[in-house]
Amino acid sequence: MAEAVVDDKGRILIPAPLRKQCGIKEGMVISFESKDGDLILKPSRKRRAGLGELKGINPKRTGEPRWTTPEEIKGIWG
């Protein structure tokens, strides 16, 4: 049986073998349930949205970046 210590902010570290066995990855949402005095943690397949996704500025990468030409920059500044 694996054990963990609760820190002063209520956080625990789930041991790596258990994370791997349960498929828990960074950013994954974990559900908590109390049943008959036991605490049950259930990994969800949902992923927490990052800040870029929330702001709508998370563009899909489609290949090599195209650098702006000096003419385009001059056109922006007038």
N, C-alpha and C. Protein backbone atom coordinates (compact mmCIF):
# COMPACT_ATOMS: atom_id res chain seq x y z
N MET A 1 0.85 -1.18 0.00
CA MET A 1 0.00 0.00 0.00
C MET A 1 0.90 1.24 0.00
N ALA A 2 0.62 2.15 -0.90
CA ALA A 2 1.39 3.39 -0.98
C ALA A 2 0.82 4.42 -0.01
N GLU A 3 1.69 5.29 0.50
CA GLU A 3 1.26 6.34 1.41
C GLU A 3 1.81 7.68 0.95
N ALA A 4 1.14 8.76 1.38
CA ALA A 4 1.60 10.11 1.09
C ALA A 4 1.28 10.99 2.28
N VAL A 5 2.03 12.08 2.42
CA VAL A 5 1.84 13.03 3.51
C VAL A 5 1.09 14.25 2.95
N VAL A 6 0.11 14.73 3.70
CA VAL A 6 -0.64 15.92 3.31
C VAL A 6 0.17 17.14 3.76
N ASP A 7 0.42 18.09 2.82
CA ASP A 7 1.18 19.28 3.21
C ASP A 7 0.27 20.33 3.82
N ASP A 8 0.82 21.50 4.18
CA ASP A 8 0.05 22.54 4.87
C ASP A 8 -1.05 23.16 4.01
N LYS A 9 -1.02 22.92 2.69
CA LYS A 9 -2.07 23.43 1.81
C LYS A 9 -3.07 22.34 1.42
N GLY A 10 -2.96 21.17 2.03
CA GLY A 10 -3.89 20.09 1.76
C GLY A 10 -3.54 19.25 0.54
N ARG A 11 -2.34 19.45 -0.01
CA ARG A 11 -1.93 18.72 -1.21
C ARG A 11 -1.27 17.39 -0.85
N ILE A 12 -1.43 16.44 -1.75
CA ILE A 12 -0.74 15.16 -1.61
C ILE A 12 -0.05 14.84 -2.93
N LEU A 13 0.96 14.01 -2.87
CA LEU A 13 1.65 13.56 -4.06
C LEU A 13 1.24 12.11 -4.31
N ILE A 14 0.63 11.86 -5.44
CA ILE A 14 0.24 10.49 -5.79
C ILE A 14 1.50 9.81 -6.33
N PRO A 15 1.92 8.69 -5.75
CA PRO A 15 3.15 8.03 -6.20
C PRO A 15 3.11 7.69 -7.69
N ALA A 16 4.26 7.84 -8.34
CA ALA A 16 4.38 7.65 -9.79
C ALA A 16 3.82 6.30 -10.27
N PRO A 17 4.10 5.17 -9.59
CA PRO A 17 3.55 3.90 -10.08
C PRO A 17 2.02 3.90 -10.12
N LEU A 18 1.38 4.54 -9.12
CA LEU A 18 -0.08 4.59 -9.11
C LEU A 18 -0.60 5.53 -10.20
N ARG A 19 0.09 6.67 -10.42
CA ARG A 19 -0.31 7.58 -11.50
C ARG A 19 -0.24 6.87 -12.84
N LYS A 20 0.82 6.12 -13.05
CA LYS A 20 0.99 5.40 -14.32
C LYS A 20 -0.08 4.32 -14.47
N GLN A 21 -0.33 3.57 -13.40
CA GLN A 21 -1.32 2.48 -13.42
C GLN A 21 -2.73 3.03 -13.72
N CYS A 22 -3.05 4.20 -13.17
CA CYS A 22 -4.39 4.77 -13.34
C CYS A 22 -4.48 5.72 -14.53
N GLY A 23 -3.37 5.95 -15.21
CA GLY A 23 -3.39 6.83 -16.38
C GLY A 23 -3.55 8.30 -16.03
N ILE A 24 -3.08 8.70 -14.85
CA ILE A 24 -3.19 10.09 -14.41
C ILE A 24 -2.03 10.88 -14.99
N LYS A 25 -2.36 11.95 -15.72
CA LYS A 25 -1.35 12.79 -16.34
C LYS A 25 -1.51 14.23 -15.87
N GLU A 26 -0.48 15.04 -16.09
CA GLU A 26 -0.51 16.44 -15.69
C GLU A 26 -1.70 17.16 -16.32
N GLY A 27 -2.40 17.95 -15.51
CA GLY A 27 -3.55 18.71 -15.99
C GLY A 27 -4.86 17.94 -15.97
N MET A 28 -4.82 16.65 -15.63
CA MET A 28 -6.03 15.84 -15.60
C MET A 28 -6.89 16.19 -14.40
N VAL A 29 -8.18 16.14 -14.54
CA VAL A 29 -9.12 16.42 -13.45
C VAL A 29 -9.33 15.14 -12.64
N ILE A 30 -9.29 15.28 -11.31
CA ILE A 30 -9.51 14.15 -10.40
C ILE A 30 -10.79 14.41 -9.62
N SER A 31 -11.68 13.42 -9.57
CA SER A 31 -12.93 13.54 -8.80
C SER A 31 -12.71 12.91 -7.42
N PHE A 32 -13.31 13.53 -6.39
CA PHE A 32 -13.22 13.02 -5.03
C PHE A 32 -14.60 12.60 -4.57
N GLU A 33 -14.65 11.48 -3.85
CA GLU A 33 -15.92 10.96 -3.34
C GLU A 33 -15.67 10.37 -1.95
N SER A 34 -16.59 10.60 -1.05
CA SER A 34 -16.50 10.01 0.28
C SER A 34 -17.56 8.92 0.39
N LYS A 35 -17.12 7.72 0.77
CA LYS A 35 -18.04 6.60 0.85
C LYS A 35 -17.69 5.75 2.07
N ASP A 36 -18.62 5.67 3.01
CA ASP A 36 -18.43 4.87 4.23
C ASP A 36 -17.13 5.23 4.95
N GLY A 37 -16.80 6.53 5.00
CA GLY A 37 -15.61 6.98 5.71
C GLY A 37 -14.32 6.87 4.91
N ASP A 38 -14.40 6.37 3.69
CA ASP A 38 -13.21 6.27 2.83
C ASP A 38 -13.23 7.39 1.79
N LEU A 39 -12.06 7.85 1.41
CA LEU A 39 -11.93 8.86 0.37
C LEU A 39 -11.55 8.15 -0.93
N ILE A 40 -12.35 8.35 -1.96
CA ILE A 40 -12.12 7.70 -3.25
C ILE A 40 -11.74 8.77 -4.27
N LEU A 41 -10.62 8.57 -4.94
CA LEU A 41 -10.16 9.46 -6.00
C LEU A 41 -10.39 8.76 -7.32
N LYS A 42 -11.01 9.47 -8.26
CA LYS A 42 -11.28 8.89 -9.58
C LYS A 42 -10.74 9.82 -10.66
N PRO A 43 -9.83 9.31 -11.48
CA PRO A 43 -9.34 10.15 -12.57
C PRO A 43 -10.41 10.31 -13.64
N SER A 44 -10.54 11.51 -14.12
CA SER A 44 -11.48 11.80 -15.19
C SER A 44 -10.70 11.86 -16.50
N ARG A 45 -11.34 11.61 -17.58
CA ARG A 45 -10.65 11.71 -18.88
C ARG A 45 -10.65 13.15 -19.37
N LYS A 46 -11.35 14.03 -18.62
CA LYS A 46 -11.35 15.45 -18.97
C LYS A 46 -9.99 16.03 -18.63
N ARG A 47 -9.63 17.09 -19.31
CA ARG A 47 -8.39 17.78 -19.06
C ARG A 47 -8.72 19.22 -18.72
N ARG A 48 -8.05 19.75 -17.73
CA ARG A 48 -8.26 21.14 -17.35
C ARG A 48 -7.74 22.04 -18.46
N ALA A 49 -8.54 23.03 -18.83
CA ALA A 49 -8.15 23.96 -19.89
C ALA A 49 -7.03 24.86 -19.41
N GLY A 50 -6.07 25.09 -20.28
CA GLY A 50 -4.99 26.00 -19.96
C GLY A 50 -5.42 27.45 -20.16
N LEU A 51 -4.61 28.38 -19.69
CA LEU A 51 -4.94 29.79 -19.79
C LEU A 51 -5.10 30.22 -21.25
N GLY A 52 -4.23 29.74 -22.12
CA GLY A 52 -4.33 30.08 -23.54
C GLY A 52 -5.62 29.60 -24.16
N GLU A 53 -6.07 28.42 -23.77
CA GLU A 53 -7.33 27.88 -24.29
C GLU A 53 -8.51 28.70 -23.79
N LEU A 54 -8.45 29.14 -22.54
CA LEU A 54 -9.55 29.92 -21.98
C LEU A 54 -9.67 31.28 -22.66
N LYS A 55 -8.55 31.86 -23.03
CA LYS A 55 -8.56 33.16 -23.69
C LYS A 55 -8.80 33.03 -25.19
N GLY A 56 -8.79 31.82 -25.71
CA GLY A 56 -9.01 31.62 -27.13
C GLY A 56 -7.79 31.96 -27.98
N ILE A 57 -6.60 31.91 -27.37
CA ILE A 57 -5.39 32.24 -28.12
C ILE A 57 -4.46 31.04 -28.22
N ASN A 58 -5.02 29.88 -28.41
CA ASN A 58 -4.23 28.67 -28.51
C ASN A 58 -4.33 28.14 -29.95
N PRO A 59 -3.64 28.80 -30.90
CA PRO A 59 -3.77 28.40 -32.29
C PRO A 59 -3.16 27.02 -32.55
N LYS A 60 -3.72 26.33 -33.51
CA LYS A 60 -3.17 25.05 -33.91
C LYS A 60 -1.93 25.31 -34.76
N ARG A 61 -0.87 24.60 -34.49
CA ARG A 61 0.37 24.74 -35.27
C ARG A 61 0.21 23.95 -36.57
N THR A 62 0.48 24.61 -37.67
CA THR A 62 0.26 23.96 -38.97
C THR A 62 1.53 23.80 -39.78
N GLY A 63 2.67 24.03 -39.20
CA GLY A 63 3.92 23.86 -39.94
C GLY A 63 4.93 24.91 -39.54
N GLU A 64 5.81 25.22 -40.46
CA GLU A 64 6.86 26.19 -40.22
C GLU A 64 6.30 27.60 -40.11
N PRO A 65 6.83 28.41 -39.19
CA PRO A 65 6.36 29.79 -39.08
C PRO A 65 6.80 30.61 -40.28
N ARG A 66 5.96 31.56 -40.67
CA ARG A 66 6.32 32.47 -41.76
C ARG A 66 6.64 33.80 -41.12
N TRP A 67 7.86 34.26 -41.31
CA TRP A 67 8.30 35.50 -40.70
C TRP A 67 7.74 36.69 -41.46
N THR A 68 7.43 37.72 -40.73
CA THR A 68 6.89 38.96 -41.32
C THR A 68 8.00 39.67 -42.07
N THR A 69 7.68 40.17 -43.26
CA THR A 69 8.67 40.90 -44.06
C THR A 69 8.76 42.34 -43.56
N PRO A 70 9.88 43.02 -43.85
CA PRO A 70 10.01 44.43 -43.47
C PRO A 70 8.90 45.29 -44.08
N GLU A 71 8.47 44.96 -45.28
CA GLU A 71 7.40 45.72 -45.93
C GLU A 71 6.08 45.59 -45.17
N GLU A 72 5.79 44.40 -44.69
CA GLU A 72 4.58 44.20 -43.91
C GLU A 72 4.63 44.98 -42.59
N ILE A 73 5.79 45.00 -41.97
CA ILE A 73 5.95 45.75 -40.72
C ILE A 73 5.78 47.24 -40.97
N LYS A 74 6.38 47.75 -42.06
CA LYS A 74 6.22 49.17 -42.40
C LYS A 74 4.76 49.50 -42.68
N GLY A 75 4.02 48.56 -43.29
CA GLY A 75 2.60 48.77 -43.58
C GLY A 75 1.77 48.88 -42.31
N ILE A 76 2.19 48.19 -41.28
CA ILE A 76 1.47 48.25 -40.00
C ILE A 76 1.64 49.63 -39.35
N TRP A 77 2.85 50.14 -39.40
CA TRP A 77 3.16 51.41 -38.73
C TRP A 77 2.89 52.63 -39.59
N GLY A 78 2.56 52.40 -40.85
CA GLY A 78 2.18 53.50 -41.73
C GLY A 78 3.31 54.15 -42.32
